[in-house]
């Protein structure tokens, strides 16, 4: 059976993975946001057929989704870190309380 410290270190490792994923999604959102294209890039025929007007909302959707994922992944990482810190703190407090009880016996 793993100790509380070992389990909490695994939670922190998971949090680090979620932070890395958040960073990756943030970079993806930045990249998607920088892919604005208009008639100059698509050409006149594509513009006349509605490609340009269809592209802008699609690009915005991808940017929003990637940005939202980055935010949510960061929240997951923060929660995992907080849980690990709380478990450690409570375990240490419980251990201290047990020692005080043992000293009285």
N, C-alpha and C. Protein backbone atom coordinates (compact mmCIF):
# COMPACT_ATOMS: atom_id res chain seq x y z
N UNK A 1 0.84 -1.18 0.00
CA UNK A 1 0.00 0.00 0.00
C UNK A 1 0.88 1.25 0.00
N UNK A 2 0.55 2.19 -0.86
CA UNK A 2 1.34 3.42 -0.97
C UNK A 2 1.04 4.36 0.19
N UNK A 3 2.05 5.12 0.54
CA UNK A 3 1.86 6.14 1.59
C UNK A 3 1.13 7.34 0.99
N UNK A 4 0.64 8.19 1.86
CA UNK A 4 -0.05 9.40 1.42
C UNK A 4 0.89 10.26 0.57
N UNK A 5 2.16 10.33 0.97
CA UNK A 5 3.13 11.13 0.22
C UNK A 5 3.30 10.62 -1.20
N UNK A 6 3.34 9.29 -1.35
CA UNK A 6 3.51 8.70 -2.68
C UNK A 6 2.28 8.98 -3.55
N UNK A 7 1.11 8.79 -2.97
CA UNK A 7 -0.13 9.04 -3.72
C UNK A 7 -0.22 10.51 -4.11
N UNK A 8 0.13 11.39 -3.20
CA UNK A 8 0.06 12.82 -3.50
C UNK A 8 1.08 13.22 -4.56
N UNK A 9 2.23 12.59 -4.55
CA UNK A 9 3.22 12.90 -5.59
C UNK A 9 2.71 12.47 -6.96
N UNK A 10 1.93 11.38 -6.99
CA UNK A 10 1.33 10.94 -8.25
C UNK A 10 0.27 11.94 -8.72
N UNK A 11 -0.48 12.49 -7.78
CA UNK A 11 -1.46 13.53 -8.13
C UNK A 11 -0.75 14.76 -8.72
N UNK A 12 0.36 15.13 -8.12
CA UNK A 12 1.13 16.28 -8.62
C UNK A 12 1.69 15.99 -10.01
N UNK A 13 2.14 14.76 -10.24
CA UNK A 13 2.62 14.37 -11.57
C UNK A 13 1.49 14.50 -12.59
N UNK A 14 0.32 14.04 -12.22
CA UNK A 14 -0.84 14.18 -13.12
C UNK A 14 -1.16 15.64 -13.37
N UNK A 15 -1.08 16.46 -12.33
CA UNK A 15 -1.33 17.89 -12.48
C UNK A 15 -0.35 18.50 -13.48
N UNK A 16 0.90 18.08 -13.41
CA UNK A 16 1.91 18.59 -14.35
C UNK A 16 1.57 18.22 -15.79
N UNK A 17 1.03 17.03 -15.97
CA UNK A 17 0.62 16.61 -17.32
C UNK A 17 -0.54 17.46 -17.83
N UNK A 18 -1.50 17.76 -16.95
CA UNK A 18 -2.62 18.61 -17.34
C UNK A 18 -2.14 20.03 -17.65
N UNK A 19 -1.15 20.52 -16.89
CA UNK A 19 -0.61 21.86 -17.16
C UNK A 19 0.08 21.89 -18.53
N UNK A 20 0.80 20.83 -18.84
CA UNK A 20 1.45 20.74 -20.15
C UNK A 20 0.41 20.71 -21.26
N UNK A 21 -0.68 19.97 -21.03
CA UNK A 21 -1.75 19.92 -22.03
C UNK A 21 -2.41 21.30 -22.17
N UNK A 22 -2.57 22.00 -21.06
CA UNK A 22 -3.15 23.36 -21.10
C UNK A 22 -2.25 24.28 -21.91
N UNK A 23 -0.95 24.15 -21.70
CA UNK A 23 0.01 24.98 -22.45
C UNK A 23 -0.08 24.66 -23.95
N UNK A 24 -0.18 23.37 -24.27
CA UNK A 24 -0.30 22.98 -25.68
C UNK A 24 -1.57 23.52 -26.32
N UNK A 25 -2.67 23.47 -25.58
CA UNK A 25 -3.93 23.99 -26.12
C UNK A 25 -3.90 25.51 -26.24
N UNK A 26 -3.21 26.16 -25.33
CA UNK A 26 -3.07 27.61 -25.41
C UNK A 26 -2.28 27.99 -26.67
N UNK A 27 -1.24 27.25 -26.95
CA UNK A 27 -0.46 27.49 -28.18
C UNK A 27 -1.30 27.20 -29.42
N UNK A 28 -2.12 26.16 -29.35
CA UNK A 28 -3.01 25.84 -30.47
C UNK A 28 -4.02 26.96 -30.69
N UNK A 29 -4.54 27.52 -29.60
CA UNK A 29 -5.50 28.62 -29.71
C UNK A 29 -4.83 29.84 -30.34
N UNK A 30 -3.60 30.12 -29.93
CA UNK A 30 -2.86 31.24 -30.52
C UNK A 30 -2.62 31.01 -32.01
N UNK A 31 -2.27 29.78 -32.35
CA UNK A 31 -2.03 29.46 -33.76
C UNK A 31 -3.31 29.59 -34.57
N UNK A 32 -4.40 29.06 -34.04
CA UNK A 32 -5.69 29.14 -34.74
C UNK A 32 -6.12 30.60 -34.90
N UNK A 33 -5.88 31.39 -33.86
CA UNK A 33 -6.24 32.82 -33.93
C UNK A 33 -5.44 33.56 -34.97
N UNK A 34 -4.24 33.08 -35.23
CA UNK A 34 -3.38 33.73 -36.22
C UNK A 34 -3.62 33.26 -37.64
N UNK A 35 -4.58 32.40 -37.85
CA UNK A 35 -4.84 31.86 -39.19
C UNK A 35 -5.98 32.59 -39.90
N UNK A 36 -6.12 33.86 -39.62
CA UNK A 36 -7.15 34.64 -40.31
C UNK A 36 -6.80 34.70 -41.80
N UNK A 37 -7.78 34.37 -42.62
CA UNK A 37 -7.57 34.37 -44.07
C UNK A 37 -8.78 35.02 -44.73
N UNK A 38 -8.51 35.74 -45.77
CA UNK A 38 -9.58 36.42 -46.49
C UNK A 38 -9.53 36.10 -47.97
N UNK A 39 -10.17 36.94 -48.73
CA UNK A 39 -10.26 36.74 -50.18
C UNK A 39 -8.87 36.73 -50.83
N UNK A 40 -7.96 37.47 -50.24
CA UNK A 40 -6.59 37.50 -50.81
C UNK A 40 -5.94 36.12 -50.78
N UNK A 41 -6.20 35.37 -49.73
CA UNK A 41 -5.60 34.04 -49.60
C UNK A 41 -6.40 32.98 -50.36
N UNK A 42 -7.72 33.06 -50.31
CA UNK A 42 -8.55 32.04 -50.94
C UNK A 42 -8.76 32.27 -52.43
N UNK A 43 -8.77 33.51 -52.83
CA UNK A 43 -9.01 33.85 -54.22
C UNK A 43 -10.44 34.32 -54.45
N UNK A 44 -10.62 34.99 -55.58
CA UNK A 44 -11.90 35.59 -55.90
C UNK A 44 -13.01 34.55 -56.08
N UNK A 45 -12.72 33.46 -56.76
CA UNK A 45 -13.75 32.45 -57.02
C UNK A 45 -14.21 31.82 -55.69
N UNK A 46 -13.27 31.53 -54.81
CA UNK A 46 -13.63 30.96 -53.50
C UNK A 46 -14.46 31.96 -52.71
N UNK A 47 -14.09 33.23 -52.81
CA UNK A 47 -14.85 34.26 -52.10
C UNK A 47 -16.27 34.35 -52.64
N UNK A 48 -16.41 34.28 -53.93
CA UNK A 48 -17.74 34.35 -54.55
C UNK A 48 -18.60 33.14 -54.15
N UNK A 49 -17.99 32.04 -53.87
CA UNK A 49 -18.73 30.82 -53.50
C UNK A 49 -18.95 30.71 -51.99
N UNK A 50 -18.57 31.71 -51.24
CA UNK A 50 -18.84 31.75 -49.80
C UNK A 50 -17.79 31.11 -48.91
N UNK A 51 -16.67 30.72 -49.48
CA UNK A 51 -15.63 30.08 -48.68
C UNK A 51 -15.10 31.03 -47.61
N UNK A 52 -14.86 32.26 -47.99
CA UNK A 52 -14.30 33.23 -47.06
C UNK A 52 -15.27 33.50 -45.90
N UNK A 53 -16.53 33.69 -46.22
CA UNK A 53 -17.51 33.97 -45.16
C UNK A 53 -17.74 32.74 -44.28
N UNK A 54 -17.54 31.54 -44.80
CA UNK A 54 -17.68 30.33 -44.00
C UNK A 54 -16.44 30.07 -43.15
N UNK A 55 -15.29 30.52 -43.63
CA UNK A 55 -14.03 30.25 -42.93
C UNK A 55 -13.93 31.01 -41.61
N UNK A 56 -14.31 32.26 -41.57
CA UNK A 56 -14.13 33.09 -40.37
C UNK A 56 -14.82 32.49 -39.14
N UNK A 57 -16.09 32.08 -39.23
CA UNK A 57 -16.71 31.47 -38.03
C UNK A 57 -16.06 30.14 -37.64
N UNK A 58 -15.62 29.38 -38.63
CA UNK A 58 -14.94 28.12 -38.34
C UNK A 58 -13.62 28.36 -37.61
N UNK A 59 -12.88 29.33 -38.09
CA UNK A 59 -11.62 29.69 -37.44
C UNK A 59 -11.87 30.16 -36.01
N UNK A 60 -12.89 30.97 -35.82
CA UNK A 60 -13.22 31.47 -34.48
C UNK A 60 -13.65 30.32 -33.56
N UNK A 61 -14.39 29.37 -34.11
CA UNK A 61 -14.81 28.22 -33.31
C UNK A 61 -13.62 27.41 -32.83
N UNK A 62 -12.69 27.13 -33.72
CA UNK A 62 -11.49 26.39 -33.32
C UNK A 62 -10.68 27.16 -32.29
N UNK A 63 -10.55 28.46 -32.46
CA UNK A 63 -9.82 29.29 -31.50
C UNK A 63 -10.49 29.24 -30.14
N UNK A 64 -11.80 29.37 -30.12
CA UNK A 64 -12.55 29.36 -28.86
C UNK A 64 -12.47 28.00 -28.18
N UNK A 65 -12.60 26.93 -28.95
CA UNK A 65 -12.53 25.59 -28.37
C UNK A 65 -11.15 25.31 -27.76
N UNK A 66 -10.10 25.66 -28.47
CA UNK A 66 -8.74 25.43 -27.96
C UNK A 66 -8.47 26.29 -26.72
N UNK A 67 -8.93 27.52 -26.75
CA UNK A 67 -8.75 28.40 -25.60
C UNK A 67 -9.53 27.88 -24.39
N UNK A 68 -10.75 27.44 -24.62
CA UNK A 68 -11.55 26.87 -23.53
C UNK A 68 -10.93 25.62 -22.96
N UNK A 69 -10.38 24.78 -23.82
CA UNK A 69 -9.71 23.56 -23.35
C UNK A 69 -8.51 23.92 -22.48
N UNK A 70 -7.75 24.92 -22.90
CA UNK A 70 -6.59 25.36 -22.10
C UNK A 70 -7.03 25.80 -20.71
N UNK A 71 -8.11 26.55 -20.65
CA UNK A 71 -8.63 27.02 -19.36
C UNK A 71 -9.08 25.86 -18.48
N UNK A 72 -9.83 24.93 -19.06
CA UNK A 72 -10.34 23.79 -18.29
C UNK A 72 -9.21 22.86 -17.84
N UNK A 73 -8.24 22.63 -18.72
CA UNK A 73 -7.10 21.78 -18.35
C UNK A 73 -6.33 22.40 -17.20
N UNK A 74 -6.16 23.71 -17.22
CA UNK A 74 -5.47 24.40 -16.12
C UNK A 74 -6.25 24.27 -14.82
N UNK A 75 -7.58 24.34 -14.90
CA UNK A 75 -8.41 24.16 -13.70
C UNK A 75 -8.25 22.75 -13.13
N UNK A 76 -8.19 21.76 -14.00
CA UNK A 76 -7.99 20.38 -13.54
C UNK A 76 -6.65 20.26 -12.83
N UNK A 77 -5.62 20.84 -13.43
CA UNK A 77 -4.28 20.80 -12.82
C UNK A 77 -4.29 21.47 -11.45
N UNK A 78 -4.92 22.63 -11.36
CA UNK A 78 -4.99 23.34 -10.08
C UNK A 78 -5.74 22.52 -9.04
N UNK A 79 -6.82 21.87 -9.45
CA UNK A 79 -7.59 21.05 -8.52
C UNK A 79 -6.79 19.86 -8.02
N UNK A 80 -6.09 19.19 -8.92
CA UNK A 80 -5.26 18.06 -8.51
C UNK A 80 -4.17 18.49 -7.53
N UNK A 81 -3.56 19.63 -7.78
CA UNK A 81 -2.54 20.15 -6.88
C UNK A 81 -3.13 20.48 -5.51
N UNK A 82 -4.29 21.11 -5.51
CA UNK A 82 -4.96 21.46 -4.25
C UNK A 82 -5.33 20.20 -3.46
N UNK A 83 -5.83 19.18 -4.16
CA UNK A 83 -6.19 17.93 -3.50
C UNK A 83 -4.95 17.30 -2.86
N UNK A 84 -3.86 17.26 -3.59
CA UNK A 84 -2.62 16.67 -3.05
C UNK A 84 -2.16 17.45 -1.82
N UNK A 85 -2.17 18.77 -1.89
CA UNK A 85 -1.75 19.59 -0.76
C UNK A 85 -2.67 19.38 0.45
N UNK A 86 -3.96 19.28 0.19
CA UNK A 86 -4.93 19.07 1.28
C UNK A 86 -4.74 17.72 1.94
N UNK A 87 -4.58 16.68 1.14
CA UNK A 87 -4.35 15.34 1.70
C UNK A 87 -3.10 15.32 2.58
N UNK A 88 -2.03 15.92 2.07
CA UNK A 88 -0.78 15.94 2.84
C UNK A 88 -0.96 16.69 4.15
N UNK A 89 -1.57 17.85 4.07
CA UNK A 89 -1.79 18.67 5.26
C UNK A 89 -2.65 17.92 6.29
N UNK A 90 -3.72 17.31 5.83
CA UNK A 90 -4.61 16.58 6.74
C UNK A 90 -3.93 15.34 7.32
N UNK A 91 -3.13 14.68 6.50
CA UNK A 91 -2.41 13.51 7.00
C UNK A 91 -1.40 13.93 8.06
N UNK A 92 -0.69 15.01 7.82
CA UNK A 92 0.27 15.50 8.80
C UNK A 92 -0.42 15.96 10.08
N UNK A 93 -1.56 16.61 9.96
CA UNK A 93 -2.32 17.05 11.13
C UNK A 93 -2.82 15.85 11.91
N UNK A 94 -3.29 14.82 11.22
CA UNK A 94 -3.76 13.61 11.88
C UNK A 94 -2.63 12.89 12.59
N UNK A 95 -1.47 12.86 11.97
CA UNK A 95 -0.31 12.23 12.57
C UNK A 95 0.09 12.97 13.85
N UNK A 96 0.05 14.29 13.79
CA UNK A 96 0.38 15.11 14.95
C UNK A 96 -0.62 14.85 16.09
N UNK A 97 -1.89 14.77 15.74
CA UNK A 97 -2.93 14.52 16.74
C UNK A 97 -2.73 13.14 17.38
N UNK A 98 -2.36 12.17 16.58
CA UNK A 98 -2.13 10.82 17.12
C UNK A 98 -0.96 10.81 18.09
N UNK A 99 0.09 11.55 17.77
CA UNK A 99 1.26 11.62 18.68
C UNK A 99 0.87 12.25 20.01
N UNK A 100 0.04 13.29 19.94
CA UNK A 100 -0.40 13.93 21.19
C UNK A 100 -1.21 12.95 22.03
N UNK A 101 -2.04 12.15 21.37
CA UNK A 101 -2.81 11.15 22.11
C UNK A 101 -1.90 10.08 22.73
N UNK A 102 -0.91 9.65 21.97
CA UNK A 102 0.02 8.64 22.46
C UNK A 102 0.80 9.16 23.67
N UNK A 103 1.15 10.47 23.64
CA UNK A 103 1.89 11.06 24.75
C UNK A 103 1.07 11.07 26.04
N UNK A 104 -0.23 11.10 25.91
CA UNK A 104 -1.12 11.14 27.08
C UNK A 104 -1.37 9.75 27.66
N UNK A 105 -1.13 8.73 26.87
CA UNK A 105 -1.41 7.36 27.34
C UNK A 105 -0.32 6.83 28.21
